[in-house]
Structures are given as C-alpha cells and as structure tokens.
Amino acid sequence: MDIRYTLSAGPAAVLMILLALLFRSVGVSLCVAGTKLNRKERLFCMIAYLPKATVQAAIGSVPLAMGLPCGQIVLSVAVLAILITAPLGALGMDLTCKRLLTHDIQPG
C-alpha cells in the first residue's frame, strides 16, 4: 500500500468514513428497535458495530487485484477506515460498557 494515495484522499476520505459510520449506526438502531434492549443497551450496540476492519480487510484489495484504476485509492481508504474505526470501537466499548450494560439484578 502506498501512503501517498491515502494522503491524497485526505479529509474527503475521513468524511466519507464518518458518514458511513453514521449510516451504519442508524441501521443498527433500526435493527435493535423492536427488541427488549433498553436505551443504554441499544446505544452500546451502536458503539460495538463501529469497527469495520473485517469487511474492509476482506474487500479492500479486490479492485487493486483486478487491475482497476481506482484500486490504490480503494485500498488506501479501506486501510484508513480500519485505522479509524477499530480503535474508535474498541475505546468506545471499553469506556462505556460498565455504564451502559450494568443491570440491577432483582432477586426472585
């Protein structure tokens, strides 16, 4: 991977990744809307689905391997998405799990 392609994408790539995360969060919110999860648990689900590393790693290099002219930039943005979303999701889950997932257990 050539870091120059990532730098050339710049803020537009970061904005696209953040917008994708927004749409992903809306999708997760819709998916858990009909469940018995409370508001805090639903929020945690949205945070837990922020990381996109698996999909990005799996398909990021396909256009490059196919010889498409956009291959380098697609791979670069995929790697950038991993670098942004993996730590964001990991930190988000670590920092919020105790506040969002703690339940009072009722005896009986």
PDB file of N, CA and C in Angstrom:
ATOM      1  N   MET A   1       0.839  -1.172   0.000  1.00  0.00           N
ATOM      2  CA  MET A   1       0.000   0.000   0.000  1.00  0.00           C
ATOM      3  C   MET A   1       0.884   1.234   0.000  1.00  0.00           C
ATOM      4  N   ASP A   2       0.504   2.208  -0.790  1.00  0.00           N
ATOM      5  CA  ASP A   2       1.251   3.454  -0.909  1.00  0.00           C
ATOM      6  C   ASP A   2       0.533   4.534  -0.104  1.00  0.00           C
ATOM      7  N   ILE A   3       1.200   5.025   0.929  1.00  0.00           N
ATOM      8  CA  ILE A   3       0.593   6.008   1.828  1.00  0.00           C
ATOM      9  C   ILE A   3       0.234   7.302   1.104  1.00  0.00           C
ATOM     10  N   ARG A   4       0.864   7.573  -0.031  1.00  0.00           N
ATOM     11  CA  ARG A   4       0.561   8.816  -0.781  1.00  0.00           C
ATOM     12  C   ARG A   4      -0.890   8.852  -1.241  1.00  0.00           C
ATOM     13  N   TYR A   5      -1.436   7.705  -1.585  1.00  0.00           N
ATOM     14  CA  TYR A   5      -2.834   7.662  -2.012  1.00  0.00           C
ATOM     15  C   TYR A   5      -3.767   7.999  -0.856  1.00  0.00           C
ATOM     16  N   THR A   6      -3.435   7.518   0.307  1.00  0.00           N
ATOM     17  CA  THR A   6      -4.244   7.829   1.486  1.00  0.00           C
ATOM     18  C   THR A   6      -4.194   9.317   1.787  1.00  0.00           C
ATOM     19  N   LEU A   7      -2.999   9.892   1.711  1.00  0.00           N
ATOM     20  CA  LEU A   7      -2.856  11.326   1.955  1.00  0.00           C
ATOM     21  C   LEU A   7      -3.566  12.147   0.892  1.00  0.00           C
ATOM     22  N   SER A   8      -3.564  11.655  -0.350  1.00  0.00           N
ATOM     23  CA  SER A   8      -4.240  12.401  -1.418  1.00  0.00           C
ATOM     24  C   SER A   8      -5.756  12.388  -1.242  1.00  0.00           C
ATOM     25  N   ALA A   9      -6.281  11.326  -0.643  1.00  0.00           N
ATOM     26  CA  ALA A   9      -7.726  11.277  -0.379  1.00  0.00           C
ATOM     27  C   ALA A   9      -8.092  12.280   0.702  1.00  0.00           C
ATOM     28  N   GLY A  10      -7.221  12.415   1.698  1.00  0.00           N
ATOM     29  CA  GLY A  10      -7.327  13.432   2.734  1.00  0.00           C
ATOM     30  C   GLY A  10      -8.640  13.483   3.477  1.00  0.00           C
ATOM     31  N   PRO A  11      -9.078  14.713   3.764  1.00  0.00           N
ATOM     32  CA  PRO A  11     -10.286  14.914   4.561  1.00  0.00           C
ATOM     33  C   PRO A  11     -11.546  14.332   3.925  1.00  0.00           C
ATOM     34  N   ALA A  12     -11.578  14.257   2.609  1.00  0.00           N
ATOM     35  CA  ALA A  12     -12.764  13.697   1.940  1.00  0.00           C
ATOM     36  C   ALA A  12     -12.955  12.230   2.327  1.00  0.00           C
ATOM     37  N   ALA A  13     -11.854  11.492   2.415  1.00  0.00           N
ATOM     38  CA  ALA A  13     -11.942  10.079   2.794  1.00  0.00           C
ATOM     39  C   ALA A  13     -12.405   9.939   4.237  1.00  0.00           C
ATOM     40  N   VAL A  14     -11.880  10.772   5.117  1.00  0.00           N
ATOM     41  CA  VAL A  14     -12.283  10.724   6.525  1.00  0.00           C
ATOM     42  C   VAL A  14     -13.759  11.076   6.653  1.00  0.00           C
ATOM     43  N   LEU A  15     -14.205  12.090   5.931  1.00  0.00           N
ATOM     44  CA  LEU A  15     -15.618  12.478   5.962  1.00  0.00           C
ATOM     45  C   LEU A  15     -16.502  11.348   5.451  1.00  0.00           C
ATOM     46  N   MET A  16     -16.076  10.693   4.391  1.00  0.00           N
ATOM     47  CA  MET A  16     -16.853   9.576   3.851  1.00  0.00           C
ATOM     48  C   MET A  16     -16.950   8.444   4.876  1.00  0.00           C
ATOM     49  N   ILE A  17     -15.855   8.154   5.561  1.00  0.00           N
ATOM     50  CA  ILE A  17     -15.852   7.105   6.585  1.00  0.00           C
ATOM     51  C   ILE A  17     -16.796   7.477   7.727  1.00  0.00           C
ATOM     52  N   LEU A  18     -16.740   8.727   8.171  1.00  0.00           N
ATOM     53  CA  LEU A  18     -17.611   9.171   9.263  1.00  0.00           C
ATOM     54  C   LEU A  18     -19.082   9.129   8.855  1.00  0.00           C
ATOM     55  N   LEU A  19     -19.383   9.506   7.612  1.00  0.00           N
ATOM     56  CA  LEU A  19     -20.772   9.411   7.129  1.00  0.00           C
ATOM     57  C   LEU A  19     -21.222   7.953   7.055  1.00  0.00           C
ATOM     58  N   ALA A  20     -20.324   7.067   6.630  1.00  0.00           N
ATOM     59  CA  ALA A  20     -20.659   5.635   6.593  1.00  0.00           C
ATOM     60  C   ALA A  20     -20.958   5.122   7.994  1.00  0.00           C
ATOM     61  N   LEU A  21     -20.195   5.593   8.983  1.00  0.00           N
ATOM     62  CA  LEU A  21     -20.447   5.186  10.371  1.00  0.00           C
ATOM     63  C   LEU A  21     -21.792   5.708  10.857  1.00  0.00           C
ATOM     64  N   LEU A  22     -22.154   6.905  10.429  1.00  0.00           N
ATOM     65  CA  LEU A  22     -23.455   7.462  10.801  1.00  0.00           C
ATOM     66  C   LEU A  22     -24.579   6.590  10.236  1.00  0.00           C
ATOM     67  N   PHE A  23     -24.482   6.234   8.958  1.00  0.00           N
ATOM     68  CA  PHE A  23     -25.495   5.377   8.352  1.00  0.00           C
ATOM     69  C   PHE A  23     -25.507   3.993   8.999  1.00  0.00           C
ATOM     70  N   ARG A  24     -24.333   3.476   9.327  1.00  0.00           N
ATOM     71  CA  ARG A  24     -24.241   2.176   9.996  1.00  0.00           C
ATOM     72  C   ARG A  24     -24.926   2.239  11.355  1.00  0.00           C
ATOM     73  N   SER A  25     -24.714   3.333  12.081  1.00  0.00           N
ATOM     74  CA  SER A  25     -25.339   3.488  13.403  1.00  0.00           C
ATOM     75  C   SER A  25     -26.851   3.577  13.292  1.00  0.00           C
ATOM     76  N   VAL A  26     -27.342   4.271  12.285  1.00  0.00           N
ATOM     77  CA  VAL A  26     -28.790   4.349  12.062  1.00  0.00           C
ATOM     78  C   VAL A  26     -29.331   2.948  11.755  1.00  0.00           C
ATOM     79  N   GLY A  27     -28.603   2.191  10.944  1.00  0.00           N
ATOM     80  CA  GLY A  27     -29.018   0.826  10.624  1.00  0.00           C
ATOM     81  C   GLY A  27     -29.072  -0.067  11.852  1.00  0.00           C
ATOM     82  N   VAL A  28     -28.052   0.030  12.695  1.00  0.00           N
ATOM     83  CA  VAL A  28     -28.039  -0.762  13.929  1.00  0.00           C
ATOM     84  C   VAL A  28     -29.207  -0.350  14.816  1.00  0.00           C
ATOM     85  N   SER A  29     -29.437   0.946  14.908  1.00  0.00           N
ATOM     86  CA  SER A  29     -30.544   1.452  15.721  1.00  0.00           C
ATOM     87  C   SER A  29     -31.881   0.891  15.235  1.00  0.00           C
ATOM     88  N   LEU A  30     -32.072   0.848  13.941  1.00  0.00           N
ATOM     89  CA  LEU A  30     -33.308   0.289  13.388  1.00  0.00           C
ATOM     90  C   LEU A  30     -33.408  -1.214  13.660  1.00  0.00           C
ATOM     91  N   CYS A  31     -32.277  -1.903  13.587  1.00  0.00           N
ATOM     92  CA  CYS A  31     -32.276  -3.353  13.811  1.00  0.00           C
ATOM     93  C   CYS A  31     -32.624  -3.722  15.244  1.00  0.00           C
ATOM     94  N   VAL A  32     -32.227  -2.912  16.209  1.00  0.00           N
ATOM     95  CA  VAL A  32     -32.496  -3.246  17.613  1.00  0.00           C
ATOM     96  C   VAL A  32     -33.753  -2.557  18.138  1.00  0.00           C
ATOM     97  N   ALA A  33     -34.444  -1.821  17.286  1.00  0.00           N
ATOM     98  CA  ALA A  33     -35.621  -1.062  17.714  1.00  0.00           C
ATOM     99  C   ALA A  33     -36.732  -1.963  18.258  1.00  0.00           C
ATOM    100  N   GLY A  34     -36.932  -3.117  17.704  1.00  0.00           N
ATOM    101  CA  GLY A  34     -38.023  -3.981  18.134  1.00  0.00           C
ATOM    102  C   GLY A  34     -37.635  -4.994  19.197  1.00  0.00           C
ATOM    103  N   THR A  35     -36.502  -4.802  19.807  1.00  0.00           N
ATOM    104  CA  THR A  35     -36.026  -5.764  20.804  1.00  0.00           C
ATOM    105  C   THR A  35     -36.363  -5.306  22.216  1.00  0.00           C
ATOM    106  N   LYS A  36     -36.036  -6.142  23.182  1.00  0.00           N
ATOM    107  CA  LYS A  36     -36.276  -5.804  24.585  1.00  0.00           C
ATOM    108  C   LYS A  36     -35.111  -5.028  25.197  1.00  0.00           C
ATOM    109  N   LEU A  37     -34.129  -4.674  24.386  1.00  0.00           N
ATOM    110  CA  LEU A  37     -32.986  -3.909  24.896  1.00  0.00           C
ATOM    111  C   LEU A  37     -33.439  -2.525  25.335  1.00  0.00           C
ATOM    112  N   ASN A  38     -32.840  -2.029  26.416  1.00  0.00           N
ATOM    113  CA  ASN A  38     -33.171  -0.667  26.836  1.00  0.00           C
ATOM    114  C   ASN A  38     -32.331   0.341  26.036  1.00  0.00           C
ATOM    115  N   ARG A  39     -32.548   1.612  26.286  1.00  0.00           N
ATOM    116  CA  ARG A  39     -31.888   2.676  25.523  1.00  0.00           C
ATOM    117  C   ARG A  39     -30.369   2.586  25.625  1.00  0.00           C
ATOM    118  N   LYS A  40     -29.859   2.326  26.822  1.00  0.00           N
ATOM    119  CA  LYS A  40     -28.418   2.239  27.018  1.00  0.00           C
ATOM    120  C   LYS A  40     -27.823   1.038  26.275  1.00  0.00           C
ATOM    121  N   GLU A  41     -28.505  -0.076  26.303  1.00  0.00           N
ATOM    122  CA  GLU A  41     -28.028  -1.264  25.602  1.00  0.00           C
ATOM    123  C   GLU A  41     -28.038  -1.046  24.092  1.00  0.00           C
ATOM    124  N   ARG A  42     -29.041  -0.354  23.607  1.00  0.00           N
ATOM    125  CA  ARG A  42     -29.101  -0.036  22.173  1.00  0.00           C
ATOM    126  C   ARG A  42     -27.944   0.869  21.766  1.00  0.00           C
ATOM    127  N   LEU A  43     -27.638   1.829  22.600  1.00  0.00           N
ATOM    128  CA  LEU A  43     -26.507   2.710  22.333  1.00  0.00           C
ATOM    129  C   LEU A  43     -25.206   1.909  22.310  1.00  0.00           C
ATOM    130  N   PHE A  44     -25.052   0.976  23.233  1.00  0.00           N
ATOM    131  CA  PHE A  44     -23.850   0.153  23.243  1.00  0.00           C
ATOM    132  C   PHE A  44     -23.751  -0.682  21.967  1.00  0.00           C
ATOM    133  N   CYS A  45     -24.857  -1.191  21.481  1.00  0.00           N
ATOM    134  CA  CYS A  45     -24.840  -1.948  20.221  1.00  0.00           C
ATOM    135  C   CYS A  45     -24.334  -1.074  19.076  1.00  0.00           C
ATOM    136  N   MET A  46     -24.753   0.170  19.050  1.00  0.00           N
ATOM    137  CA  MET A  46     -24.288   1.086  18.009  1.00  0.00           C
ATOM    138  C   MET A  46     -22.776   1.282  18.109  1.00  0.00           C
ATOM    139  N   ILE A  47     -22.277   1.427  19.320  1.00  0.00           N
ATOM    140  CA  ILE A  47     -20.838   1.594  19.526  1.00  0.00           C
ATOM    141  C   ILE A  47     -20.091   0.325  19.124  1.00  0.00           C
ATOM    142  N   ALA A  48     -20.643  -0.830  19.479  1.00  0.00           N
ATOM    143  CA  ALA A  48     -19.994  -2.109  19.194  1.00  0.00           C
ATOM    144  C   ALA A  48     -19.888  -2.376  17.697  1.00  0.00           C
ATOM    145  N   TYR A  49     -20.779  -1.794  16.914  1.00  0.00           N
ATOM    146  CA  TYR A  49     -20.749  -2.006  15.467  1.00  0.00           C
ATOM    147  C   TYR A  49     -19.953  -0.946  14.725  1.00  0.00           C
ATOM    148  N   LEU A  50     -19.259  -0.059  15.415  1.00  0.00           N
ATOM    149  CA  LEU A  50     -18.432   0.944  14.742  1.00  0.00           C
ATOM    150  C   LEU A  50     -17.240   0.343  13.989  1.00  0.00           C
ATOM    151  N   PRO A  51     -16.532  -0.617  14.552  1.00  0.00           N
ATOM    152  CA  PRO A  51     -15.373  -1.144  13.832  1.00  0.00           C
ATOM    153  C   PRO A  51     -15.772  -1.805  12.516  1.00  0.00           C
ATOM    154  N   LYS A  52     -15.006  -1.510  11.468  1.00  0.00           N
ATOM    155  CA  LYS A  52     -15.297  -2.040  10.146  1.00  0.00           C
ATOM    156  C   LYS A  52     -14.120  -2.841   9.597  1.00  0.00           C
ATOM    157  N   ALA A  53     -13.210  -3.285  10.438  1.00  0.00           N
ATOM    158  CA  ALA A  53     -11.960  -3.874   9.976  1.00  0.00           C
ATOM    159  C   ALA A  53     -12.138  -5.165   9.176  1.00  0.00           C
ATOM    160  N   THR A  54     -13.024  -6.035   9.573  1.00  0.00           N
ATOM    161  CA  THR A  54     -13.148  -7.332   8.905  1.00  0.00           C
ATOM    162  C   THR A  54     -13.554  -7.177   7.449  1.00  0.00           C
ATOM    163  N   VAL A  55     -14.591  -6.409   7.208  1.00  0.00           N
ATOM    164  CA  VAL A  55     -15.077  -6.218   5.844  1.00  0.00           C
ATOM    165  C   VAL A  55     -14.049  -5.445   5.025  1.00  0.00           C
ATOM    166  N   GLN A  56     -13.480  -4.400   5.615  1.00  0.00           N
ATOM    167  CA  GLN A  56     -12.519  -3.593   4.886  1.00  0.00           C
ATOM    168  C   GLN A  56     -11.307  -4.423   4.481  1.00  0.00           C
ATOM    169  N   ALA A  57     -10.817  -5.237   5.379  1.00  0.00           N
ATOM    170  CA  ALA A  57      -9.647  -6.061   5.072  1.00  0.00           C
ATOM    171  C   ALA A  57      -9.966  -7.093   3.995  1.00  0.00           C
ATOM    172  N   ALA A  58     -11.170  -7.615   4.034  1.00  0.00           N
ATOM    173  CA  ALA A  58     -11.556  -8.662   3.086  1.00  0.00           C
ATOM    174  C   ALA A  58     -11.740  -8.142   1.663  1.00  0.00           C
ATOM    175  N   ILE A  59     -12.319  -6.964   1.505  1.00  0.00           N
ATOM    176  CA  ILE A  59     -12.638  -6.497   0.153  1.00  0.00           C
ATOM    177  C   ILE A  59     -11.809  -5.299  -0.314  1.00  0.00           C
ATOM    178  N   GLY A  60     -11.013  -4.712   0.570  1.00  0.00           N
ATOM    179  CA  GLY A  60     -10.266  -3.508   0.217  1.00  0.00           C
ATOM    180  C   GLY A  60      -9.289  -3.681  -0.925  1.00  0.00           C
ATOM    181  N   SER A  61      -8.711  -4.860  -1.068  1.00  0.00           N
ATOM    182  CA  SER A  61      -7.699  -5.067  -2.098  1.00  0.00           C
ATOM    183  C   SER A  61      -8.254  -5.639  -3.400  1.00  0.00           C
ATOM    184  N   VAL A  62      -9.527  -5.953  -3.442  1.00  0.00           N
ATOM    185  CA  VAL A  62     -10.108  -6.585  -4.630  1.00  0.00           C
ATOM    186  C   VAL A  62      -9.969  -5.699  -5.882  1.00  0.00           C
ATOM    187  N   PRO A  63     -10.348  -4.408  -5.835  1.00  0.00           N
ATOM    188  CA  PRO A  63     -10.184  -3.588  -7.039  1.00  0.00           C
ATOM    189  C   PRO A  63      -8.725  -3.485  -7.502  1.00  0.00           C
ATOM    190  N   LEU A  64      -7.798  -3.439  -6.561  1.00  0.00           N
ATOM    191  CA  LEU A  64      -6.377  -3.389  -6.914  1.00  0.00           C
ATOM    192  C   LEU A  64      -5.956  -4.693  -7.587  1.00  0.00           C
ATOM    193  N   ALA A  65      -6.382  -5.809  -7.025  1.00  0.00           N
ATOM    194  CA  ALA A  65      -6.048  -7.113  -7.607  1.00  0.00           C
ATOM    195  C   ALA A  65      -6.667  -7.296  -8.988  1.00  0.00           C
ATOM    196  N   MET A  66      -7.809  -6.648  -9.218  1.00  0.00           N
ATOM    197  CA  MET A  66      -8.466  -6.739 -10.525  1.00  0.00           C
ATOM    198  C   MET A  66      -7.844  -5.803 -11.553  1.00  0.00           C
ATOM    199  N   GLY A  67      -6.911  -4.966 -11.102  1.00  0.00           N
ATOM    200  CA  GLY A  67      -6.249  -4.048 -12.017  1.00  0.00           C
ATOM    201  C   GLY A  67      -7.047  -2.793 -12.329  1.00  0.00           C
ATOM    202  N   LEU A  68      -8.059  -2.498 -11.527  1.00  0.00           N
ATOM    203  CA  LEU A  68      -8.862  -1.298 -11.772  1.00  0.00           C
ATOM    204  C   LEU A  68      -8.058  -0.047 -11.429  1.00  0.00           C
ATOM    205  N   PRO A  69      -8.258   1.030 -12.182  1.00  0.00           N
ATOM    206  CA  PRO A  69      -7.510   2.263 -11.917  1.00  0.00           C
ATOM    207  C   PRO A  69      -7.743   2.828 -10.508  1.00  0.00           C
ATOM    208  N   CYS A  70      -8.894   2.562  -9.932  1.00  0.00           N
ATOM    209  CA  CYS A  70      -9.215   3.074  -8.598  1.00  0.00           C
ATOM    210  C   CYS A  70      -8.691   2.177  -7.492  1.00  0.00           C
ATOM    211  N   GLY A  71      -8.009   1.103  -7.830  1.00  0.00           N
ATOM    212  CA  GLY A  71      -7.593   0.101  -6.857  1.00  0.00           C
ATOM    213  C   GLY A  71      -6.763   0.632  -5.714  1.00  0.00           C
ATOM    214  N   GLN A  72      -5.790   1.487  -6.011  1.00  0.00           N
ATOM    215  CA  GLN A  72      -4.923   2.021  -4.957  1.00  0.00           C
ATOM    216  C   GLN A  72      -5.698   2.880  -3.974  1.00  0.00           C
ATOM    217  N   ILE A  73      -6.586   3.731  -4.482  1.00  0.00           N
ATOM    218  CA  ILE A  73      -7.328   4.623  -3.577  1.00  0.00           C
ATOM    219  C   ILE A  73      -8.342   3.831  -2.759  1.00  0.00           C
ATOM    220  N   VAL A  74      -8.966   2.816  -3.348  1.00  0.00           N
ATOM    221  CA  VAL A  74      -9.917   1.984  -2.605  1.00  0.00           C
ATOM    222  C   VAL A  74      -9.200   1.269  -1.466  1.00  0.00           C
ATOM    223  N   LEU A  75      -8.050   0.683  -1.757  1.00  0.00           N
ATOM    224  CA  LEU A  75      -7.280   0.004  -0.721  1.00  0.00           C
ATOM    225  C   LEU A  75      -6.849   0.998   0.362  1.00  0.00           C
ATOM    226  N   SER A  76      -6.412   2.176  -0.045  1.00  0.00           N
ATOM    227  CA  SER A  76      -5.963   3.189   0.920  1.00  0.00           C
ATOM    228  C   SER A  76      -7.089   3.638   1.836  1.00  0.00           C
ATOM    229  N   VAL A  77      -8.263   3.860   1.279  1.00  0.00           N
ATOM    230  CA  VAL A  77      -9.398   4.286   2.101  1.00  0.00           C
ATOM    231  C   VAL A  77      -9.858   3.138   2.997  1.00  0.00           C
ATOM    232  N   ALA A  78      -9.772   1.906   2.504  1.00  0.00           N
ATOM    233  CA  ALA A  78     -10.125   0.750   3.339  1.00  0.00           C
ATOM    234  C   ALA A  78      -9.196   0.653   4.548  1.00  0.00           C
ATOM    235  N   VAL A  79      -7.912   0.842   4.324  1.00  0.00           N
ATOM    236  CA  VAL A  79      -6.949   0.804   5.432  1.00  0.00           C
ATOM    237  C   VAL A  79      -7.201   1.970   6.378  1.00  0.00           C
ATOM    238  N   LEU A  80      -7.488   3.141   5.835  1.00  0.00           N
ATOM    239  CA  LEU A  80      -7.801   4.300   6.672  1.00  0.00           C
ATOM    240  C   LEU A  80      -9.044   4.029   7.520  1.00  0.00           C
ATOM    241  N   ALA A  81     -10.045   3.381   6.942  1.00  0.00           N
ATOM    242  CA  ALA A  81     -11.257   3.035   7.700  1.00  0.00           C
ATOM    243  C   ALA A  81     -10.928   2.102   8.850  1.00  0.00           C
ATOM    244  N   ILE A  82     -10.037   1.155   8.613  1.00  0.00           N
ATOM    245  CA  ILE A  82      -9.619   0.252   9.687  1.00  0.00           C
ATOM    246  C   ILE A  82      -8.909   1.032  10.782  1.00  0.00           C
ATOM    247  N   LEU A  83      -8.003   1.912  10.381  1.00  0.00           N
ATOM    248  CA  LEU A  83      -7.221   2.683  11.352  1.00  0.00           C
ATOM    249  C   LEU A  83      -8.078   3.638  12.186  1.00  0.00           C
ATOM    250  N   ILE A  84      -9.194   4.083  11.618  1.00  0.00           N
ATOM    251  CA  ILE A  84     -10.088   4.991  12.351  1.00  0.00           C
ATOM    252  C   ILE A  84     -11.089   4.208  13.189  1.00  0.00           C
ATOM    253  N   THR A  85     -11.734   3.218  12.588  1.00  0.00           N
ATOM    254  CA  THR A  85     -12.877   2.587  13.253  1.00  0.00           C
ATOM    255  C   THR A  85     -12.498   1.532  14.283  1.00  0.00           C
ATOM    256  N   ALA A  86     -11.415   0.805  14.075  1.00  0.00           N
ATOM    257  CA  ALA A  86     -11.050  -0.240  15.045  1.00  0.00           C
ATOM    258  C   ALA A  86     -10.743   0.340  16.425  1.00  0.00           C
ATOM    259  N   PRO A  87      -9.860   1.342  16.514  1.00  0.00           N
ATOM    260  CA  PRO A  87      -9.618   1.911  17.847  1.00  0.00           C
ATOM    261  C   PRO A  87     -10.829   2.663  18.393  1.00  0.00           C
ATOM    262  N   LEU A  88     -11.587   3.309  17.507  1.00  0.00           N
ATOM    263  CA  LEU A  88     -12.777   4.041  17.946  1.00  0.00           C
ATOM    264  C   LEU A  88     -13.775   3.090  18.598  1.00  0.00           C
ATOM    265  N   GLY A  89     -14.019   1.952  17.957  1.00  0.00           N
ATOM    266  CA  GLY A  89     -14.937   0.972  18.523  1.00  0.00           C
ATOM    267  C   GLY A  89     -14.401   0.337  19.795  1.00  0.00           C
ATOM    268  N   ALA A  90     -13.111  -0.011  19.785  1.00  0.00           N
ATOM    269  CA  ALA A  90     -12.514  -0.637  20.960  1.00  0.00           C
ATOM    270  C   ALA A  90     -12.547   0.303  22.165  1.00  0.00           C
ATOM    271  N   LEU A  91     -12.136   1.531  21.966  1.00  0.00           N
ATOM    272  CA  LEU A  91     -12.172   2.512  23.055  1.00  0.00           C
ATOM    273  C   LEU A  91     -13.602   2.806  23.485  1.00  0.00           C
ATOM    274  N   GLY A  92     -14.494   2.945  22.505  1.00  0.00           N
ATOM    275  CA  GLY A  92     -15.893   3.218  22.825  1.00  0.00           C
ATOM    276  C   GLY A  92     -16.508   2.128  23.683  1.00  0.00           C
ATOM    277  N   MET A  93     -16.256   0.879  23.320  1.00  0.00           N
ATOM    278  CA  MET A  93     -16.802  -0.231  24.106  1.00  0.00           C
ATOM    279  C   MET A  93     -16.163  -0.292  25.487  1.00  0.00           C
ATOM    280  N   ASP A  94     -14.848  -0.104  25.534  1.00  0.00           N
ATOM    281  CA  ASP A  94     -14.147  -0.174  26.817  1.00  0.00           C
ATOM    282  C   ASP A  94     -14.593   0.934  27.770  1.00  0.00           C
ATOM    283  N   LEU A  95     -14.802   2.126  27.241  1.00  0.00           N
ATOM    284  CA  LEU A  95     -15.159   3.264  28.089  1.00  0.00           C
ATOM    285  C   LEU A  95     -16.633   3.299  28.492  1.00  0.00           C
ATOM    286  N   THR A  96     -17.489   2.598  27.752  1.00  0.00           N
ATOM    287  CA  THR A  96     -18.923   2.700  28.029  1.00  0.00           C
ATOM    288  C   THR A  96     -19.571   1.418  28.547  1.00  0.00           C
ATOM    289  N   CYS A  97     -18.872   0.299  28.504  1.00  0.00           N
ATOM    290  CA  CYS A  97     -19.528  -0.969  28.839  1.00  0.00           C
ATOM    291  C   CYS A  97     -20.086  -0.986  30.262  1.00  0.00           C
ATOM    292  N   LYS A  98     -19.365  -0.488  31.225  1.00  0.00           N
ATOM    293  CA  LYS A  98     -19.851  -0.535  32.611  1.00  0.00           C
ATOM    294  C   LYS A  98     -21.045   0.382  32.825  1.00  0.00           C
ATOM    295  N   ARG A  99     -21.060   1.529  32.165  1.00  0.00           N
ATOM    296  CA  ARG A  99     -22.190   2.452  32.333  1.00  0.00           C
ATOM    297  C   ARG A  99     -23.414   2.036  31.537  1.00  0.00           C
ATOM    298  N   LEU A 100     -23.196   1.446  30.377  1.00  0.00           N
ATOM    299  CA  LEU A 100     -24.329   1.132  29.514  1.00  0.00           C
ATOM    300  C   LEU A 100     -24.875  -0.279  29.705  1.00  0.00           C
ATOM    301  N   LEU A 101     -24.079  -1.188  30.229  1.00  0.00           N
ATOM    302  CA  LEU A 101     -24.512  -2.582  30.327  1.00  0.00           C
ATOM    303  C   LEU A 101     -24.705  -3.082  31.750  1.00  0.00           C
ATOM    304  N   THR A 102     -24.580  -2.245  32.748  1.00  0.00           N
ATOM    305  CA  THR A 102     -24.762  -2.658  34.128  1.00  0.00           C
ATOM    306  C   THR A 102     -26.250  -2.760  34.445  1.00  0.00           C
ATOM    307  N   HIS A 103     -26.636  -3.880  35.011  1.00  0.00           N
ATOM    308  CA  HIS A 103     -28.032  -4.104  35.384  1.00  0.00           C
ATOM    309  C   HIS A 103     -28.147  -4.338  36.879  1.00  0.00           C
ATOM    310  N   ASP A 104     -29.223  -3.883  37.418  1.00  0.00           N
ATOM    311  CA  ASP A 104     -29.557  -4.261  38.789  1.00  0.00           C
ATOM    312  C   ASP A 104     -30.280  -5.602  38.719  1.00  0.00           C
ATOM    313  N   ILE A 105     -29.760  -6.576  39.403  1.00  0.00           N
ATOM    314  CA  ILE A 105     -30.369  -7.915  39.380  1.00  0.00           C
ATOM    315  C   ILE A 105     -31.402  -7.987  40.485  1.00  0.00           C
ATOM    316  N   GLN A 106     -32.617  -8.301  40.079  1.00  0.00           N
ATOM    317  CA  GLN A 106     -33.721  -8.404  41.021  1.00  0.00           C
ATOM    318  C   GLN A 106     -33.773  -9.818  41.580  1.00  0.00           C
ATOM    319  N   PRO A 107     -33.825  -9.949  42.890  1.00  0.00           N
ATOM    320  CA  PRO A 107     -33.936 -11.291  43.460  1.00  0.00           C
ATOM    321  C   PRO A 107     -35.287 -11.914  43.114  1.00  0.00           C
ATOM    322  N   GLY A 108     -35.262 -13.224  42.958  1.00  0.00           N
ATOM    323  CA  GLY A 108     -36.519 -13.868  42.871  1.00  0.00           C
ATOM    324  C   GLY A 108     -36.869 -14.625  41.716  1.00  0.00           C
TER     325      GLY A 108
END
